[in-house]
Structure formats: structure tokens, C-alpha cells
Amino acid sequence: MSQRSEVRELQAALRTASDIAFEEDVPAGAQAEALVDALRRALGAAQSLSDGPVGTGCREHPRGAIDPLHGDKDDPLPPGWGRCLLCNDRRRRASRGLAGGRR
């Protein structure tokens, strides 16, 4: 992904998170999950803009965002999951039965 597309992804994710967070109702259930997903996408896009080493090891998204939970000892990813945030988010949605649902 180019830096320009990373910036667009960051902006879109932050807009989504802002829309959910500033609604009159307190986010709960599916709304809260959508908020968490949007914030993870924003974090991944922001991290991709840094000068650090880039590479997910993913054939589909080699320069994509790295999942912030990769390497987290307190909240480890399931066995076989890689570093790619995009693929891991797809797996998360599929495991919740929300595949393809994007706000």
C-alpha cells in the first residue's frame, strides 16, 4: 500500500471511529465492536506511516498494516495467524459471522 493510500485508510478509520464515538448513545454491542475495529485500522495505518521496518510477511498485503496484537503476550493471536492486520481483521469478522460487513 502506498503512503497516500495509508493516509486515506487512516482518515477513513478515524472518521468511522469519530462517528461512532460521538453519537448520542453510548456504543454497545456491535457498535462497540465496530469502534474497536475502526481504531485498530487507524492504528495500523498510522504505524505503517512510520519509518520503521515494513513487512507483514503476507503475500496479499506485504506492505500492509501490522496487527497491533501480533506478539502481545497478554492477548495472543490464534495459532497460524500472521502479522497482517487486514487478513487478521478478515479472520476476526469471519469468526464473528460479520464477514464483509464494513461501516
PDB file of N, CA and C in Angstrom:
ATOM      1  N   MET A   1       0.843  -1.171   0.000  1.00  0.00           N
ATOM      2  CA  MET A   1       0.000   0.000   0.000  1.00  0.00           C
ATOM      3  C   MET A   1       0.893   1.240   0.000  1.00  0.00           C
ATOM      4  N   SER A   2       0.550   2.209  -0.791  1.00  0.00           N
ATOM      5  CA  SER A   2       1.337   3.441  -0.831  1.00  0.00           C
ATOM      6  C   SER A   2       1.047   4.282   0.410  1.00  0.00           C
ATOM      7  N   GLN A   3       1.947   5.241   0.658  1.00  0.00           N
ATOM      8  CA  GLN A   3       1.723   6.108   1.813  1.00  0.00           C
ATOM      9  C   GLN A   3       0.434   6.896   1.652  1.00  0.00           C
ATOM     10  N   ARG A   4       0.129   7.298   0.435  1.00  0.00           N
ATOM     11  CA  ARG A   4      -1.111   8.058   0.206  1.00  0.00           C
ATOM     12  C   ARG A   4      -2.338   7.212   0.551  1.00  0.00           C
ATOM     13  N   SER A   5      -2.311   5.940   0.160  1.00  0.00           N
ATOM     14  CA  SER A   5      -3.451   5.082   0.480  1.00  0.00           C
ATOM     15  C   SER A   5      -3.505   4.790   1.976  1.00  0.00           C
ATOM     16  N   GLU A   6      -2.345   4.737   2.632  1.00  0.00           N
ATOM     17  CA  GLU A   6      -2.332   4.562   4.091  1.00  0.00           C
ATOM     18  C   GLU A   6      -2.963   5.771   4.778  1.00  0.00           C
ATOM     19  N   VAL A   7      -2.670   6.972   4.269  1.00  0.00           N
ATOM     20  CA  VAL A   7      -3.260   8.188   4.841  1.00  0.00           C
ATOM     21  C   VAL A   7      -4.777   8.173   4.642  1.00  0.00           C
ATOM     22  N   ARG A   8      -5.221   7.762   3.440  1.00  0.00           N
ATOM     23  CA  ARG A   8      -6.671   7.674   3.196  1.00  0.00           C
ATOM     24  C   ARG A   8      -7.323   6.649   4.135  1.00  0.00           C
ATOM     25  N   GLU A   9      -6.659   5.508   4.349  1.00  0.00           N
ATOM     26  CA  GLU A   9      -7.187   4.492   5.268  1.00  0.00           C
ATOM     27  C   GLU A   9      -7.246   5.047   6.689  1.00  0.00           C
ATOM     28  N   LEU A  10      -6.201   5.760   7.102  1.00  0.00           N
ATOM     29  CA  LEU A  10      -6.178   6.374   8.435  1.00  0.00           C
ATOM     30  C   LEU A  10      -7.330   7.359   8.584  1.00  0.00           C
ATOM     31  N   GLN A  11      -7.525   8.219   7.588  1.00  0.00           N
ATOM     32  CA  GLN A  11      -8.601   9.211   7.650  1.00  0.00           C
ATOM     33  C   GLN A  11      -9.973   8.543   7.707  1.00  0.00           C
ATOM     34  N   ALA A  12     -10.177   7.535   6.882  1.00  0.00           N
ATOM     35  CA  ALA A  12     -11.472   6.850   6.860  1.00  0.00           C
ATOM     36  C   ALA A  12     -11.747   6.152   8.190  1.00  0.00           C
ATOM     37  N   ALA A  13     -10.727   5.490   8.734  1.00  0.00           N
ATOM     38  CA  ALA A  13     -10.908   4.781  10.002  1.00  0.00           C
ATOM     39  C   ALA A  13     -11.190   5.759  11.135  1.00  0.00           C
ATOM     40  N   LEU A  14     -10.499   6.888  11.144  1.00  0.00           N
ATOM     41  CA  LEU A  14     -10.729   7.889  12.190  1.00  0.00           C
ATOM     42  C   LEU A  14     -12.112   8.523  12.059  1.00  0.00           C
ATOM     43  N   ARG A  15     -12.570   8.739  10.820  1.00  0.00           N
ATOM     44  CA  ARG A  15     -13.932   9.275  10.624  1.00  0.00           C
ATOM     45  C   ARG A  15     -14.972   8.293  11.156  1.00  0.00           C
ATOM     46  N   THR A  16     -14.782   7.005  10.837  1.00  0.00           N
ATOM     47  CA  THR A  16     -15.713   5.980  11.316  1.00  0.00           C
ATOM     48  C   THR A  16     -15.726   5.944  12.838  1.00  0.00           C
ATOM     49  N   ALA A  17     -14.528   5.927  13.442  1.00  0.00           N
ATOM     50  CA  ALA A  17     -14.438   5.893  14.901  1.00  0.00           C
ATOM     51  C   ALA A  17     -15.085   7.125  15.511  1.00  0.00           C
ATOM     52  N   SER A  18     -14.849   8.283  14.913  1.00  0.00           N
ATOM     53  CA  SER A  18     -15.432   9.529  15.414  1.00  0.00           C
ATOM     54  C   SER A  18     -16.955   9.502  15.320  1.00  0.00           C
ATOM     55  N   ASP A  19     -17.472   9.044  14.196  1.00  0.00           N
ATOM     56  CA  ASP A  19     -18.929   8.956  14.024  1.00  0.00           C
ATOM     57  C   ASP A  19     -19.562   8.099  15.113  1.00  0.00           C
ATOM     58  N   ILE A  20     -18.935   6.977  15.399  1.00  0.00           N
ATOM     59  CA  ILE A  20     -19.478   6.063  16.418  1.00  0.00           C
ATOM     60  C   ILE A  20     -19.320   6.659  17.808  1.00  0.00           C
ATOM     61  N   ALA A  21     -18.131   7.188  18.105  1.00  0.00           N
ATOM     62  CA  ALA A  21     -17.837   7.678  19.455  1.00  0.00           C
ATOM     63  C   ALA A  21     -18.660   8.904  19.829  1.00  0.00           C
ATOM     64  N   PHE A  22     -19.020   9.729  18.845  1.00  0.00           N
ATOM     65  CA  PHE A  22     -19.721  10.970  19.160  1.00  0.00           C
ATOM     66  C   PHE A  22     -21.223  10.901  18.916  1.00  0.00           C
ATOM     67  N   GLU A  23     -21.754   9.681  18.699  1.00  0.00           N
ATOM     68  CA  GLU A  23     -23.202   9.538  18.625  1.00  0.00           C
ATOM     69  C   GLU A  23     -23.771   9.798  20.013  1.00  0.00           C
ATOM     70  N   GLU A  24     -25.043  10.100  20.075  1.00  0.00           N
ATOM     71  CA  GLU A  24     -25.657  10.407  21.365  1.00  0.00           C
ATOM     72  C   GLU A  24     -25.722   9.195  22.277  1.00  0.00           C
ATOM     73  N   ASP A  25     -25.887   8.013  21.707  1.00  0.00           N
ATOM     74  CA  ASP A  25     -25.938   6.795  22.505  1.00  0.00           C
ATOM     75  C   ASP A  25     -24.531   6.294  22.793  1.00  0.00           C
ATOM     76  N   VAL A  26     -24.375   5.640  23.919  1.00  0.00           N
ATOM     77  CA  VAL A  26     -23.097   5.025  24.255  1.00  0.00           C
ATOM     78  C   VAL A  26     -22.925   3.791  23.378  1.00  0.00           C
ATOM     79  N   PRO A  27     -21.778   3.665  22.677  1.00  0.00           N
ATOM     80  CA  PRO A  27     -21.584   2.486  21.827  1.00  0.00           C
ATOM     81  C   PRO A  27     -21.640   1.202  22.641  1.00  0.00           C
ATOM     82  N   ALA A  28     -22.409   0.249  22.172  1.00  0.00           N
ATOM     83  CA  ALA A  28     -22.522  -1.041  22.859  1.00  0.00           C
ATOM     84  C   ALA A  28     -22.686  -2.125  21.801  1.00  0.00           C
ATOM     85  N   GLY A  29     -22.358  -3.340  22.163  1.00  0.00           N
ATOM     86  CA  GLY A  29     -22.554  -4.480  21.265  1.00  0.00           C
ATOM     87  C   GLY A  29     -21.808  -4.323  19.967  1.00  0.00           C
ATOM     88  N   ALA A  30     -22.544  -4.439  18.860  1.00  0.00           N
ATOM     89  CA  ALA A  30     -21.943  -4.371  17.528  1.00  0.00           C
ATOM     90  C   ALA A  30     -21.316  -3.010  17.268  1.00  0.00           C
ATOM     91  N   GLN A  31     -21.916  -1.949  17.815  1.00  0.00           N
ATOM     92  CA  GLN A  31     -21.346  -0.611  17.639  1.00  0.00           C
ATOM     93  C   GLN A  31     -19.984  -0.510  18.313  1.00  0.00           C
ATOM     94  N   ALA A  32     -19.868  -1.062  19.514  1.00  0.00           N
ATOM     95  CA  ALA A  32     -18.596  -1.032  20.229  1.00  0.00           C
ATOM     96  C   ALA A  32     -17.541  -1.844  19.468  1.00  0.00           C
ATOM     97  N   GLU A  33     -17.944  -2.982  18.899  1.00  0.00           N
ATOM     98  CA  GLU A  33     -17.016  -3.804  18.105  1.00  0.00           C
ATOM     99  C   GLU A  33     -16.567  -3.042  16.863  1.00  0.00           C
ATOM    100  N   ALA A  34     -17.486  -2.327  16.221  1.00  0.00           N
ATOM    101  CA  ALA A  34     -17.145  -1.535  15.037  1.00  0.00           C
ATOM    102  C   ALA A  34     -16.173  -0.414  15.406  1.00  0.00           C
ATOM    103  N   LEU A  35     -16.361   0.173  16.594  1.00  0.00           N
ATOM    104  CA  LEU A  35     -15.457   1.215  17.073  1.00  0.00           C
ATOM    105  C   LEU A  35     -14.050   0.651  17.271  1.00  0.00           C
ATOM    106  N   VAL A  36     -13.956  -0.503  17.911  1.00  0.00           N
ATOM    107  CA  VAL A  36     -12.658  -1.143  18.136  1.00  0.00           C
ATOM    108  C   VAL A  36     -11.998  -1.478  16.801  1.00  0.00           C
ATOM    109  N   ASP A  37     -12.755  -2.025  15.854  1.00  0.00           N
ATOM    110  CA  ASP A  37     -12.204  -2.348  14.535  1.00  0.00           C
ATOM    111  C   ASP A  37     -11.680  -1.097  13.836  1.00  0.00           C
ATOM    112  N   ALA A  38     -12.440  -0.002  13.897  1.00  0.00           N
ATOM    113  CA  ALA A  38     -12.017   1.241  13.250  1.00  0.00           C
ATOM    114  C   ALA A  38     -10.743   1.780  13.890  1.00  0.00           C
ATOM    115  N   LEU A  39     -10.655   1.707  15.208  1.00  0.00           N
ATOM    116  CA  LEU A  39      -9.456   2.194  15.890  1.00  0.00           C
ATOM    117  C   LEU A  39      -8.247   1.315  15.582  1.00  0.00           C
ATOM    118  N   ARG A  40      -8.451   0.020  15.451  1.00  0.00           N
ATOM    119  CA  ARG A  40      -7.343  -0.872  15.071  1.00  0.00           C
ATOM    120  C   ARG A  40      -6.859  -0.558  13.658  1.00  0.00           C
ATOM    121  N   ARG A  41      -7.808  -0.323  12.749  1.00  0.00           N
ATOM    122  CA  ARG A  41      -7.417   0.037  11.381  1.00  0.00           C
ATOM    123  C   ARG A  41      -6.644   1.346  11.378  1.00  0.00           C
ATOM    124  N   ALA A  42      -7.104   2.316  12.164  1.00  0.00           N
ATOM    125  CA  ALA A  42      -6.417   3.610  12.239  1.00  0.00           C
ATOM    126  C   ALA A  42      -5.005   3.432  12.806  1.00  0.00           C
ATOM    127  N   LEU A  43      -4.876   2.643  13.855  1.00  0.00           N
ATOM    128  CA  LEU A  43      -3.563   2.406  14.446  1.00  0.00           C
ATOM    129  C   LEU A  43      -2.638   1.720  13.452  1.00  0.00           C
ATOM    130  N   GLY A  44      -3.138   0.717  12.775  1.00  0.00           N
ATOM    131  CA  GLY A  44      -2.333   0.007  11.783  1.00  0.00           C
ATOM    132  C   GLY A  44      -1.877   0.918  10.661  1.00  0.00           C
ATOM    133  N   ALA A  45      -2.783   1.769  10.182  1.00  0.00           N
ATOM    134  CA  ALA A  45      -2.422   2.698   9.105  1.00  0.00           C
ATOM    135  C   ALA A  45      -1.395   3.712   9.593  1.00  0.00           C
ATOM    136  N   ALA A  46      -1.569   4.204  10.815  1.00  0.00           N
ATOM    137  CA  ALA A  46      -0.611   5.164  11.365  1.00  0.00           C
ATOM    138  C   ALA A  46       0.755   4.521  11.555  1.00  0.00           C
ATOM    139  N   GLN A  47       0.781   3.290  12.035  1.00  0.00           N
ATOM    140  CA  GLN A  47       2.058   2.595  12.210  1.00  0.00           C
ATOM    141  C   GLN A  47       2.743   2.359  10.880  1.00  0.00           C
ATOM    142  N   SER A  48       1.980   2.138   9.834  1.00  0.00           N
ATOM    143  CA  SER A  48       2.556   1.912   8.506  1.00  0.00           C
ATOM    144  C   SER A  48       3.227   3.164   7.962  1.00  0.00           C
ATOM    145  N   LEU A  49       2.841   4.318   8.462  1.00  0.00           N
ATOM    146  CA  LEU A  49       3.437   5.565   8.010  1.00  0.00           C
ATOM    147  C   LEU A  49       4.781   5.845   8.686  1.00  0.00           C
ATOM    148  N   SER A  50       5.077   5.124   9.743  1.00  0.00           N
ATOM    149  CA  SER A  50       6.334   5.352  10.454  1.00  0.00           C
ATOM    150  C   SER A  50       7.513   4.877   9.612  1.00  0.00           C
ATOM    151  N   ASP A  51       8.702   5.263  10.005  1.00  0.00           N
ATOM    152  CA  ASP A  51       9.911   4.892   9.270  1.00  0.00           C
ATOM    153  C   ASP A  51      10.425   3.514   9.633  1.00  0.00           C
ATOM    154  N   GLY A  52       9.744   2.833  10.519  1.00  0.00           N
ATOM    155  CA  GLY A  52      10.201   1.528  10.979  1.00  0.00           C
ATOM    156  C   GLY A  52      10.173   0.483   9.883  1.00  0.00           C
ATOM    157  N   PRO A  53      10.652  -0.709  10.193  1.00  0.00           N
ATOM    158  CA  PRO A  53      10.658  -1.764   9.187  1.00  0.00           C
ATOM    159  C   PRO A  53       9.236  -2.097   8.754  1.00  0.00           C
ATOM    160  N   VAL A  54       9.077  -2.264   7.458  1.00  0.00           N
ATOM    161  CA  VAL A  54       7.762  -2.553   6.892  1.00  0.00           C
ATOM    162  C   VAL A  54       7.776  -3.973   6.359  1.00  0.00           C
ATOM    163  N   GLY A  55       6.749  -4.676   6.624  1.00  0.00           N
ATOM    164  CA  GLY A  55       6.622  -6.015   6.077  1.00  0.00           C
ATOM    165  C   GLY A  55       5.759  -6.873   6.968  1.00  0.00           C
ATOM    166  N   THR A  56       4.715  -7.405   6.371  1.00  0.00           N
ATOM    167  CA  THR A  56       3.800  -8.249   7.130  1.00  0.00           C
ATOM    168  C   THR A  56       4.105  -9.724   6.945  1.00  0.00           C
ATOM    169  N   GLY A  57       4.841 -10.044   5.892  1.00  0.00           N
ATOM    170  CA  GLY A  57       5.048 -11.450   5.560  1.00  0.00           C
ATOM    171  C   GLY A  57       3.847 -12.037   4.832  1.00  0.00           C
ATOM    172  N   CYS A  58       2.891 -11.215   4.499  1.00  0.00           N
ATOM    173  CA  CYS A  58       1.658 -11.641   3.839  1.00  0.00           C
ATOM    174  C   CYS A  58       1.827 -11.517   2.325  1.00  0.00           C
ATOM    175  N   ARG A  59       1.447 -12.541   1.596  1.00  0.00           N
ATOM    176  CA  ARG A  59       1.551 -12.491   0.132  1.00  0.00           C
ATOM    177  C   ARG A  59       0.560 -11.495  -0.460  1.00  0.00           C
ATOM    178  N   GLU A  60      -0.596 -11.358   0.161  1.00  0.00           N
ATOM    179  CA  GLU A  60      -1.635 -10.477  -0.364  1.00  0.00           C
ATOM    180  C   GLU A  60      -1.381  -9.000  -0.016  1.00  0.00           C
ATOM    181  N   HIS A  61      -0.864  -8.743   1.198  1.00  0.00           N
ATOM    182  CA  HIS A  61      -0.637  -7.369   1.672  1.00  0.00           C
ATOM    183  C   HIS A  61       0.778  -7.243   2.261  1.00  0.00           C
ATOM    184  N   PRO A  62       1.826  -7.394   1.467  1.00  0.00           N
ATOM    185  CA  PRO A  62       3.183  -7.406   2.012  1.00  0.00           C
ATOM    186  C   PRO A  62       3.589  -6.102   2.693  1.00  0.00           C
ATOM    187  N   ARG A  63       3.015  -4.978   2.251  1.00  0.00           N
ATOM    188  CA  ARG A  63       3.343  -3.693   2.875  1.00  0.00           C
ATOM    189  C   ARG A  63       2.142  -3.139   3.644  1.00  0.00           C
ATOM    190  N   GLY A  64       1.241  -4.018   4.045  1.00  0.00           N
ATOM    191  CA  GLY A  64       0.055  -3.599   4.777  1.00  0.00           C
ATOM    192  C   GLY A  64       0.368  -3.300   6.236  1.00  0.00           C
ATOM    193  N   ALA A  65      -0.660  -2.968   6.957  1.00  0.00           N
ATOM    194  CA  ALA A  65      -0.526  -2.653   8.377  1.00  0.00           C
ATOM    195  C   ALA A  65      -0.250  -3.918   9.178  1.00  0.00           C
ATOM    196  N   ILE A  66       0.549  -3.764  10.211  1.00  0.00           N
ATOM    197  CA  ILE A  66       0.863  -4.880  11.099  1.00  0.00           C
ATOM    198  C   ILE A  66      -0.138  -4.872  12.246  1.00  0.00           C
ATOM    199  N   ASP A  67      -0.695  -6.025  12.538  1.00  0.00           N
ATOM    200  CA  ASP A  67      -1.687  -6.167  13.609  1.00  0.00           C
ATOM    201  C   ASP A  67      -1.054  -5.779  14.938  1.00  0.00           C
ATOM    202  N   PRO A  68      -1.656  -4.814  15.665  1.00  0.00           N
ATOM    203  CA  PRO A  68      -1.075  -4.387  16.944  1.00  0.00           C
ATOM    204  C   PRO A  68      -1.079  -5.501  17.995  1.00  0.00           C
ATOM    205  N   LEU A  69      -1.879  -6.535  17.797  1.00  0.00           N
ATOM    206  CA  LEU A  69      -1.886  -7.642  18.754  1.00  0.00           C
ATOM    207  C   LEU A  69      -0.825  -8.693  18.450  1.00  0.00           C
ATOM    208  N   HIS A  70      -0.141  -8.554  17.299  1.00  0.00           N
ATOM    209  CA  HIS A  70       0.915  -9.514  16.963  1.00  0.00           C
ATOM    210  C   HIS A  70       2.030  -9.408  18.003  1.00  0.00           C
ATOM    211  N   GLY A  71       2.326 -10.512  18.636  1.00  0.00           N
ATOM    212  CA  GLY A  71       3.382 -10.544  19.649  1.00  0.00           C
ATOM    213  C   GLY A  71       2.923 -10.151  21.043  1.00  0.00           C
ATOM    214  N   ASP A  72       1.642  -9.843  21.214  1.00  0.00           N
ATOM    215  CA  ASP A  72       1.110  -9.465  22.525  1.00  0.00           C
ATOM    216  C   ASP A  72       0.964 -10.719  23.381  1.00  0.00           C
ATOM    217  N   LYS A  73       1.726 -10.794  24.457  1.00  0.00           N
ATOM    218  CA  LYS A  73       1.693 -11.981  25.319  1.00  0.00           C
ATOM    219  C   LYS A  73       0.403 -12.068  26.133  1.00  0.00           C
ATOM    220  N   ASP A  74      -0.217 -10.913  26.444  1.00  0.00           N
ATOM    221  CA  ASP A  74      -1.450 -10.907  27.230  1.00  0.00           C
ATOM    222  C   ASP A  74      -2.687 -11.245  26.402  1.00  0.00           C
ATOM    223  N   ASP A  75      -2.652 -10.933  25.122  1.00  0.00           N
ATOM    224  CA  ASP A  75      -3.787 -11.182  24.236  1.00  0.00           C
ATOM    225  C   ASP A  75      -3.261 -11.737  22.912  1.00  0.00           C
ATOM    226  N   PRO A  76      -2.745 -12.976  22.939  1.00  0.00           N
ATOM    227  CA  PRO A  76      -2.100 -13.516  21.735  1.00  0.00           C
ATOM    228  C   PRO A  76      -3.098 -13.799  20.612  1.00  0.00           C
ATOM    229  N   LEU A  77      -2.581 -13.733  19.403  1.00  0.00           N
ATOM    230  CA  LEU A  77      -3.381 -14.097  18.240  1.00  0.00           C
ATOM    231  C   LEU A  77      -3.504 -15.612  18.183  1.00  0.00           C
ATOM    232  N   PRO A  78      -4.563 -16.117  17.576  1.00  0.00           N
ATOM    233  CA  PRO A  78      -4.707 -17.572  17.436  1.00  0.00           C
ATOM    234  C   PRO A  78      -3.547 -18.178  16.638  1.00  0.00           C
ATOM    235  N   PRO A  79      -3.252 -19.439  16.877  1.00  0.00           N
ATOM    236  CA  PRO A  79      -2.164 -20.104  16.143  1.00  0.00           C
ATOM    237  C   PRO A  79      -2.386 -20.022  14.634  1.00  0.00           C
ATOM    238  N   GLY A  80      -1.327 -19.747  13.912  1.00  0.00           N
ATOM    239  CA  GLY A  80      -1.395 -19.683  12.458  1.00  0.00           C
ATOM    240  C   GLY A  80      -1.697 -18.310  11.898  1.00  0.00           C
ATOM    241  N   TRP A  81      -2.084 -17.361  12.749  1.00  0.00           N
ATOM    242  CA  TRP A  81      -2.356 -16.010  12.276  1.00  0.00           C
ATOM    243  C   TRP A  81      -1.027 -15.282  12.114  1.00  0.00           C
ATOM    244  N   GLY A  82      -0.917 -14.462  11.080  1.00  0.00           N
ATOM    245  CA  GLY A  82       0.317 -13.735  10.810  1.00  0.00           C
ATOM    246  C   GLY A  82       0.294 -12.328  11.368  1.00  0.00           C
ATOM    247  N   ARG A  83       1.151 -11.485  10.788  1.00  0.00           N
ATOM    248  CA  ARG A  83       1.296 -10.099  11.246  1.00  0.00           C
ATOM    249  C   ARG A  83       0.349  -9.141  10.533  1.00  0.00           C
ATOM    250  N   CYS A  84      -0.281  -9.549   9.446  1.00  0.00           N
ATOM    251  CA  CYS A  84      -1.090  -8.676   8.598  1.00  0.00           C
ATOM    252  C   CYS A  84      -2.416  -8.312   9.278  1.00  0.00           C
ATOM    253  N   LEU A  85      -2.593  -7.021   9.539  1.00  0.00           N
ATOM    254  CA  LEU A  85      -3.821  -6.539  10.178  1.00  0.00           C
ATOM    255  C   LEU A  85      -5.038  -6.768   9.288  1.00  0.00           C
ATOM    256  N   LEU A  86      -4.884  -6.545   7.977  1.00  0.00           N
ATOM    257  CA  LEU A  86      -6.021  -6.699   7.068  1.00  0.00           C
ATOM    258  C   LEU A  86      -6.532  -8.135   7.058  1.00  0.00           C
ATOM    259  N   CYS A  87      -5.614  -9.095   6.953  1.00  0.00           N
ATOM    260  CA  CYS A  87      -6.028 -10.504   6.947  1.00  0.00           C
ATOM    261  C   CYS A  87      -6.581 -10.922   8.307  1.00  0.00           C
ATOM    262  N   ASN A  88      -5.949 -10.456   9.380  1.00  0.00           N
ATOM    263  CA  ASN A  88      -6.421 -10.817  10.710  1.00  0.00           C
ATOM    264  C   ASN A  88      -7.792 -10.220  11.001  1.00  0.00           C
ATOM    265  N   ASP A  89      -8.040  -8.990  10.539  1.00  0.00           N
ATOM    266  CA  ASP A  89      -9.374  -8.412  10.714  1.00  0.00           C
ATOM    267  C   ASP A  89     -10.413  -9.198   9.928  1.00  0.00           C
ATOM    268  N   ARG A  90     -10.049  -9.658   8.738  1.00  0.00           N
ATOM    269  CA  ARG A  90     -10.954 -10.507   7.948  1.00  0.00           C
ATOM    270  C   ARG A  90     -11.264 -11.785   8.720  1.00  0.00           C
ATOM    271  N   ARG A  91     -10.244 -12.374   9.319  1.00  0.00           N
ATOM    272  CA  ARG A  91     -10.455 -13.597  10.119  1.00  0.00           C
ATOM    273  C   ARG A  91     -11.350 -13.306  11.326  1.00  0.00           C
ATOM    274  N   ARG A  92     -11.138 -12.162  11.976  1.00  0.00           N
ATOM    275  CA  ARG A  92     -11.963 -11.799  13.138  1.00  0.00           C
ATOM    276  C   ARG A  92     -13.429 -11.663  12.735  1.00  0.00           C
ATOM    277  N   ARG A  93     -13.675 -10.952  11.637  1.00  0.00           N
ATOM    278  CA  ARG A  93     -15.055 -10.768  11.181  1.00  0.00           C
ATOM    279  C   ARG A  93     -15.699 -12.098  10.816  1.00  0.00           C
ATOM    280  N   ALA A  94     -14.942 -12.944  10.133  1.00  0.00           N
ATOM    281  CA  ALA A  94     -15.480 -14.246   9.735  1.00  0.00           C
ATOM    282  C   ALA A  94     -15.802 -15.087  10.959  1.00  0.00           C
ATOM    283  N   SER A  95     -14.960 -15.013  11.983  1.00  0.00           N
ATOM    284  CA  SER A  95     -15.208 -15.827  13.181  1.00  0.00           C
ATOM    285  C   SER A  95     -16.420 -15.308  13.960  1.00  0.00           C
ATOM    286  N   ARG A  96     -16.772 -14.039  13.771  1.00  0.00           N
ATOM    287  CA  ARG A  96     -17.953 -13.457  14.435  1.00  0.00           C
ATOM    288  C   ARG A  96     -19.171 -13.520  13.547  1.00  0.00           C
ATOM    289  N   GLY A  97     -19.000 -14.006  12.330  1.00  0.00           N
ATOM    290  CA  GLY A  97     -20.136 -14.082  11.411  1.00  0.00           C
ATOM    291  C   GLY A  97     -20.478 -12.755  10.774  1.00  0.00           C
ATOM    292  N   LEU A  98     -19.536 -11.816  10.763  1.00  0.00           N
ATOM    293  CA  LEU A  98     -19.789 -10.486  10.192  1.00  0.00           C
ATOM    294  C   LEU A  98     -18.970 -10.266   8.931  1.00  0.00           C
ATOM    295  N   ALA A  99     -18.570 -11.304   8.257  1.00  0.00           N
ATOM    296  CA  ALA A  99     -17.699 -11.183   7.085  1.00  0.00           C
ATOM    297  C   ALA A  99     -18.273 -10.201   6.076  1.00  0.00           C
ATOM    298  N   GLY A 100     -17.419  -9.323   5.619  1.00  0.00           N
ATOM    299  CA  GLY A 100     -17.808  -8.362   4.599  1.00  0.00           C
ATOM    300  C   GLY A 100     -18.530  -7.142   5.136  1.00  0.00           C
ATOM    301  N   GLY A 101     -18.924  -7.138   6.387  1.00  0.00           N
ATOM    302  CA  GLY A 101     -19.652  -6.001   6.932  1.00  0.00           C
ATOM    303  C   GLY A 101     -18.713  -4.862   7.275  1.00  0.00           C
ATOM    304  N   ARG A 102     -18.833  -3.769   6.524  1.00  0.00           N
ATOM    305  CA  ARG A 102     -17.994  -2.612   6.787  1.00  0.00           C
ATOM    306  C   ARG A 102     -18.913  -1.421   6.946  1.00  0.00           C
ATOM    307  N   ARG A 103     -18.663  -0.629   7.889  1.00  0.00           N
ATOM    308  CA  ARG A 103     -19.491   0.523   8.161  1.00  0.00           C
ATOM    309  C   ARG A 103     -19.189   1.636   7.216  1.00  0.00           C
TER     310      ARG A 103
END
